Amino acid sequence: MVRLPLTPEEVERGQRLGALLRRARGKRSMLDVALDAHVSPETLRKIESGRVATPSFPTIAAIADVLGLSLDAVWADISRPGAGAEPAGSGHLAREPLTA
């Protein structure tokens, strides 16, 4: 399977996602968040740095769950240009964690 090159919009959205996750992670270590989300620390590092602009849905769902973020709010926040100005934890992204 050949992946098509990412559009500039997809790259920008990936960068906004990474910034949002870094803010939401706060002082928690990348290792702790990655392990709690059952993803590799390298995967989380690449997402947070914007190197993986289009991570899989299950990966983002797991990370968002660990960070207490609403997937709807994450999508709304990263999909609009200029998004990410409001720090995570300010109320509009918080939600109850998913239960198993």
N, C-alpha and C. Protein backbone atom coordinates (compact mmCIF):
# COMPACT_ATOMS: atom_id res chain seq x y z
N MET A 1 0.84 -1.18 0.00
CA MET A 1 0.00 0.00 0.00
C MET A 1 0.89 1.24 0.00
N VAL A 2 0.59 2.15 -0.90
CA VAL A 2 1.35 3.38 -1.01
C VAL A 2 0.55 4.49 -0.35
N ARG A 3 1.22 5.22 0.53
CA ARG A 3 0.56 6.36 1.17
C ARG A 3 0.73 7.59 0.31
N LEU A 4 -0.34 8.32 0.13
CA LEU A 4 -0.26 9.58 -0.59
C LEU A 4 0.42 10.62 0.28
N PRO A 5 1.12 11.57 -0.34
CA PRO A 5 1.73 12.64 0.46
C PRO A 5 0.65 13.41 1.22
N LEU A 6 1.02 13.87 2.40
CA LEU A 6 0.08 14.64 3.21
C LEU A 6 -0.08 16.04 2.63
N THR A 7 -1.27 16.55 2.76
CA THR A 7 -1.52 17.93 2.34
C THR A 7 -0.97 18.87 3.41
N PRO A 8 -0.71 20.12 3.05
CA PRO A 8 -0.27 21.08 4.07
C PRO A 8 -1.27 21.19 5.22
N GLU A 9 -2.56 21.05 4.93
CA GLU A 9 -3.59 21.13 5.97
C GLU A 9 -3.46 19.95 6.94
N GLU A 10 -3.19 18.76 6.41
CA GLU A 10 -3.01 17.59 7.27
C GLU A 10 -1.78 17.73 8.15
N VAL A 11 -0.71 18.26 7.59
CA VAL A 11 0.51 18.48 8.36
C VAL A 11 0.25 19.48 9.49
N GLU A 12 -0.44 20.57 9.16
CA GLU A 12 -0.76 21.59 10.17
C GLU A 12 -1.66 21.02 11.25
N ARG A 13 -2.66 20.23 10.85
CA ARG A 13 -3.56 19.61 11.83
C ARG A 13 -2.79 18.66 12.75
N GLY A 14 -1.83 17.91 12.20
CA GLY A 14 -0.99 17.04 13.01
C GLY A 14 -0.16 17.82 14.01
N GLN A 15 0.33 18.97 13.61
CA GLN A 15 1.10 19.82 14.52
C GLN A 15 0.21 20.36 15.64
N ARG A 16 -1.02 20.74 15.28
CA ARG A 16 -1.95 21.22 16.31
C ARG A 16 -2.31 20.10 17.28
N LEU A 17 -2.49 18.88 16.75
CA LEU A 17 -2.78 17.73 17.62
C LEU A 17 -1.63 17.50 18.58
N GLY A 18 -0.41 17.51 18.08
CA GLY A 18 0.76 17.31 18.94
C GLY A 18 0.84 18.35 20.04
N ALA A 19 0.62 19.61 19.68
CA ALA A 19 0.67 20.68 20.67
C ALA A 19 -0.42 20.51 21.72
N LEU A 20 -1.61 20.12 21.27
CA LEU A 20 -2.73 19.90 22.20
C LEU A 20 -2.39 18.78 23.19
N LEU A 21 -1.86 17.68 22.68
CA LEU A 21 -1.52 16.55 23.56
C LEU A 21 -0.41 16.92 24.54
N ARG A 22 0.59 17.67 24.08
CA ARG A 22 1.66 18.11 24.99
C ARG A 22 1.10 18.96 26.12
N ARG A 23 0.21 19.91 25.76
CA ARG A 23 -0.39 20.77 26.79
C ARG A 23 -1.22 19.94 27.77
N ALA A 24 -1.99 19.01 27.23
CA ALA A 24 -2.86 18.19 28.08
C ALA A 24 -2.04 17.27 28.98
N ARG A 25 -0.90 16.82 28.49
CA ARG A 25 -0.04 15.93 29.28
C ARG A 25 0.55 16.69 30.47
N GLY A 26 0.77 17.98 30.30
CA GLY A 26 1.30 18.80 31.39
C GLY A 26 2.61 18.28 31.92
N LYS A 27 2.67 18.06 33.22
CA LYS A 27 3.90 17.61 33.87
C LYS A 27 4.04 16.08 33.90
N ARG A 28 3.01 15.38 33.43
CA ARG A 28 3.11 13.91 33.38
C ARG A 28 4.20 13.54 32.39
N SER A 29 4.92 12.49 32.70
CA SER A 29 5.99 12.07 31.80
C SER A 29 5.39 11.43 30.55
N MET A 30 6.11 11.59 29.46
CA MET A 30 5.69 10.97 28.21
C MET A 30 5.62 9.45 28.37
N LEU A 31 6.57 8.90 29.11
CA LEU A 31 6.62 7.45 29.33
C LEU A 31 5.36 6.98 30.05
N ASP A 32 4.97 7.67 31.12
CA ASP A 32 3.78 7.27 31.88
C ASP A 32 2.52 7.33 31.03
N VAL A 33 2.36 8.41 30.27
CA VAL A 33 1.16 8.55 29.43
C VAL A 33 1.15 7.47 28.36
N ALA A 34 2.28 7.24 27.72
CA ALA A 34 2.36 6.22 26.66
C ALA A 34 2.02 4.84 27.21
N LEU A 35 2.61 4.49 28.34
CA LEU A 35 2.35 3.17 28.92
C LEU A 35 0.89 3.02 29.33
N ASP A 36 0.32 4.07 29.92
CA ASP A 36 -1.09 4.02 30.31
C ASP A 36 -2.01 3.89 29.09
N ALA A 37 -1.60 4.46 27.96
CA ALA A 37 -2.40 4.40 26.73
C ALA A 37 -2.09 3.17 25.89
N HIS A 38 -1.12 2.38 26.34
CA HIS A 38 -0.71 1.17 25.62
C HIS A 38 -0.18 1.50 24.22
N VAL A 39 0.58 2.59 24.13
CA VAL A 39 1.31 2.93 22.90
C VAL A 39 2.77 3.08 23.29
N SER A 40 3.64 3.00 22.32
CA SER A 40 5.05 3.14 22.62
C SER A 40 5.38 4.61 22.90
N PRO A 41 6.35 4.85 23.78
CA PRO A 41 6.77 6.23 24.01
C PRO A 41 7.24 6.90 22.72
N GLU A 42 7.84 6.12 21.82
CA GLU A 42 8.29 6.68 20.53
C GLU A 42 7.10 7.14 19.70
N THR A 43 6.02 6.38 19.72
CA THR A 43 4.82 6.79 18.99
C THR A 43 4.27 8.09 19.55
N LEU A 44 4.17 8.18 20.86
CA LEU A 44 3.67 9.41 21.49
C LEU A 44 4.60 10.58 21.18
N ARG A 45 5.90 10.35 21.22
CA ARG A 45 6.86 11.42 20.92
C ARG A 45 6.67 11.92 19.49
N LYS A 46 6.50 11.00 18.56
CA LYS A 46 6.32 11.39 17.16
C LYS A 46 5.01 12.15 16.96
N ILE A 47 3.96 11.73 17.63
CA ILE A 47 2.68 12.44 17.51
C ILE A 47 2.81 13.84 18.10
N GLU A 48 3.38 13.93 19.30
CA GLU A 48 3.52 15.23 19.95
C GLU A 48 4.41 16.19 19.17
N SER A 49 5.40 15.65 18.47
CA SER A 49 6.31 16.51 17.70
C SER A 49 5.76 16.84 16.32
N GLY A 50 4.63 16.22 15.94
CA GLY A 50 4.05 16.46 14.63
C GLY A 50 4.64 15.61 13.53
N ARG A 51 5.54 14.70 13.86
CA ARG A 51 6.16 13.83 12.84
C ARG A 51 5.17 12.80 12.32
N VAL A 52 4.17 12.44 13.11
CA VAL A 52 3.09 11.56 12.65
C VAL A 52 1.85 12.43 12.63
N ALA A 53 1.55 12.95 11.45
CA ALA A 53 0.46 13.91 11.32
C ALA A 53 -0.91 13.26 11.28
N THR A 54 -0.95 11.97 10.93
CA THR A 54 -2.24 11.28 10.82
C THR A 54 -2.19 9.96 11.60
N PRO A 55 -2.10 10.03 12.92
CA PRO A 55 -2.08 8.80 13.71
C PRO A 55 -3.42 8.07 13.61
N SER A 56 -3.40 6.78 13.91
CA SER A 56 -4.63 5.99 13.81
C SER A 56 -5.64 6.43 14.88
N PHE A 57 -6.90 6.20 14.57
CA PHE A 57 -7.96 6.56 15.51
C PHE A 57 -7.80 5.85 16.85
N PRO A 58 -7.55 4.51 16.87
CA PRO A 58 -7.41 3.86 18.17
C PRO A 58 -6.27 4.44 19.02
N THR A 59 -5.20 4.86 18.36
CA THR A 59 -4.08 5.46 19.09
C THR A 59 -4.49 6.77 19.73
N ILE A 60 -5.14 7.63 18.96
CA ILE A 60 -5.58 8.91 19.51
C ILE A 60 -6.65 8.71 20.56
N ALA A 61 -7.55 7.76 20.35
CA ALA A 61 -8.60 7.49 21.34
C ALA A 61 -7.98 7.05 22.66
N ALA A 62 -6.97 6.20 22.61
CA ALA A 62 -6.32 5.72 23.83
C ALA A 62 -5.59 6.84 24.56
N ILE A 63 -4.89 7.67 23.81
CA ILE A 63 -4.15 8.78 24.43
C ILE A 63 -5.13 9.79 25.01
N ALA A 64 -6.18 10.12 24.25
CA ALA A 64 -7.19 11.07 24.74
C ALA A 64 -7.84 10.55 26.01
N ASP A 65 -8.12 9.26 26.07
CA ASP A 65 -8.73 8.68 27.26
C ASP A 65 -7.82 8.85 28.47
N VAL A 66 -6.56 8.55 28.30
CA VAL A 66 -5.61 8.67 29.41
C VAL A 66 -5.50 10.13 29.87
N LEU A 67 -5.58 11.05 28.93
CA LEU A 67 -5.45 12.47 29.27
C LEU A 67 -6.77 13.11 29.67
N GLY A 68 -7.87 12.33 29.58
CA GLY A 68 -9.18 12.87 29.96
C GLY A 68 -9.73 13.87 28.96
N LEU A 69 -9.40 13.67 27.67
CA LEU A 69 -9.87 14.58 26.63
C LEU A 69 -11.04 13.99 25.88
N SER A 70 -11.98 14.80 25.51
CA SER A 70 -13.09 14.41 24.67
C SER A 70 -12.62 14.34 23.22
N LEU A 71 -12.91 13.23 22.55
CA LEU A 71 -12.52 13.11 21.14
C LEU A 71 -13.23 14.14 20.27
N ASP A 72 -14.48 14.43 20.57
CA ASP A 72 -15.21 15.45 19.80
C ASP A 72 -14.53 16.81 19.94
N ALA A 73 -14.17 17.15 21.16
CA ALA A 73 -13.53 18.44 21.39
C ALA A 73 -12.13 18.48 20.78
N VAL A 74 -11.40 17.36 20.85
CA VAL A 74 -10.07 17.31 20.24
C VAL A 74 -10.20 17.57 18.74
N TRP A 75 -11.13 16.86 18.09
CA TRP A 75 -11.31 17.03 16.65
C TRP A 75 -11.69 18.48 16.32
N ALA A 76 -12.62 19.03 17.07
CA ALA A 76 -13.04 20.41 16.81
C ALA A 76 -11.87 21.37 16.99
N ASP A 77 -11.06 21.12 18.00
CA ASP A 77 -9.95 22.01 18.30
C ASP A 77 -8.86 21.95 17.24
N ILE A 78 -8.53 20.77 16.76
CA ILE A 78 -7.43 20.66 15.81
C ILE A 78 -7.86 20.89 14.37
N SER A 79 -9.15 20.90 14.09
CA SER A 79 -9.64 21.02 12.72
C SER A 79 -9.81 22.45 12.27
N ARG A 80 -9.75 23.38 13.16
CA ARG A 80 -9.91 24.77 12.73
C ARG A 80 -8.56 25.48 12.75
N PRO A 81 -8.27 26.25 11.71
CA PRO A 81 -7.01 27.00 11.68
C PRO A 81 -6.91 27.94 12.88
N GLY A 82 -5.73 28.05 13.40
CA GLY A 82 -5.51 28.90 14.56
C GLY A 82 -5.92 28.24 15.86
N ALA A 83 -6.28 26.96 15.80
CA ALA A 83 -6.70 26.23 17.00
C ALA A 83 -5.53 26.03 17.92
N GLY A 84 -5.85 25.74 19.15
CA GLY A 84 -4.81 25.41 20.11
C GLY A 84 -4.40 26.56 20.99
N ALA A 85 -5.05 27.72 20.84
CA ALA A 85 -4.67 28.87 21.65
C ALA A 85 -5.12 28.71 23.10
N GLU A 86 -6.23 27.99 23.29
CA GLU A 86 -6.74 27.79 24.64
C GLU A 86 -6.05 26.59 25.28
N PRO A 87 -5.45 26.79 26.46
CA PRO A 87 -4.73 25.68 27.07
C PRO A 87 -5.65 24.54 27.47
N ALA A 88 -5.15 23.32 27.33
CA ALA A 88 -5.91 22.15 27.77
C ALA A 88 -6.17 22.25 29.26
N GLY A 89 -7.30 21.75 29.68
CA GLY A 89 -7.65 21.82 31.09
C GLY A 89 -8.46 23.07 31.39
N SER A 90 -8.72 23.89 30.36
CA SER A 90 -9.48 25.11 30.58
C SER A 90 -10.98 24.85 30.59
N GLY A 91 -11.37 23.59 30.42
CA GLY A 91 -12.77 23.26 30.55
C GLY A 91 -13.41 22.69 29.31
N HIS A 92 -13.06 23.17 28.12
CA HIS A 92 -13.80 22.71 26.95
C HIS A 92 -13.35 21.37 26.43
N LEU A 93 -12.22 20.83 26.88
CA LEU A 93 -11.76 19.53 26.40
C LEU A 93 -11.94 18.43 27.43
N ALA A 94 -12.16 18.79 28.67
CA ALA A 94 -12.23 17.79 29.72
C ALA A 94 -13.48 16.95 29.59
N ARG A 95 -13.37 15.72 30.03
CA ARG A 95 -14.51 14.82 30.03
C ARG A 95 -14.22 13.67 30.99
N GLU A 96 -15.24 12.84 31.18
CA GLU A 96 -15.07 11.67 32.01
C GLU A 96 -14.27 10.63 31.25
N PRO A 97 -13.33 9.92 31.89
CA PRO A 97 -12.58 8.87 31.20
C PRO A 97 -13.49 7.75 30.71
N LEU A 98 -13.08 7.10 29.62
CA LEU A 98 -13.81 5.94 29.12
C LEU A 98 -13.67 4.81 30.12
N THR A 99 -14.66 3.97 30.20
CA THR A 99 -14.56 2.82 31.09
C THR A 99 -14.46 1.57 30.25
N ALA A 100 -13.77 0.56 30.77
CA ALA A 100 -13.57 -0.67 30.01
C ALA A 100 -14.75 -1.59 30.13
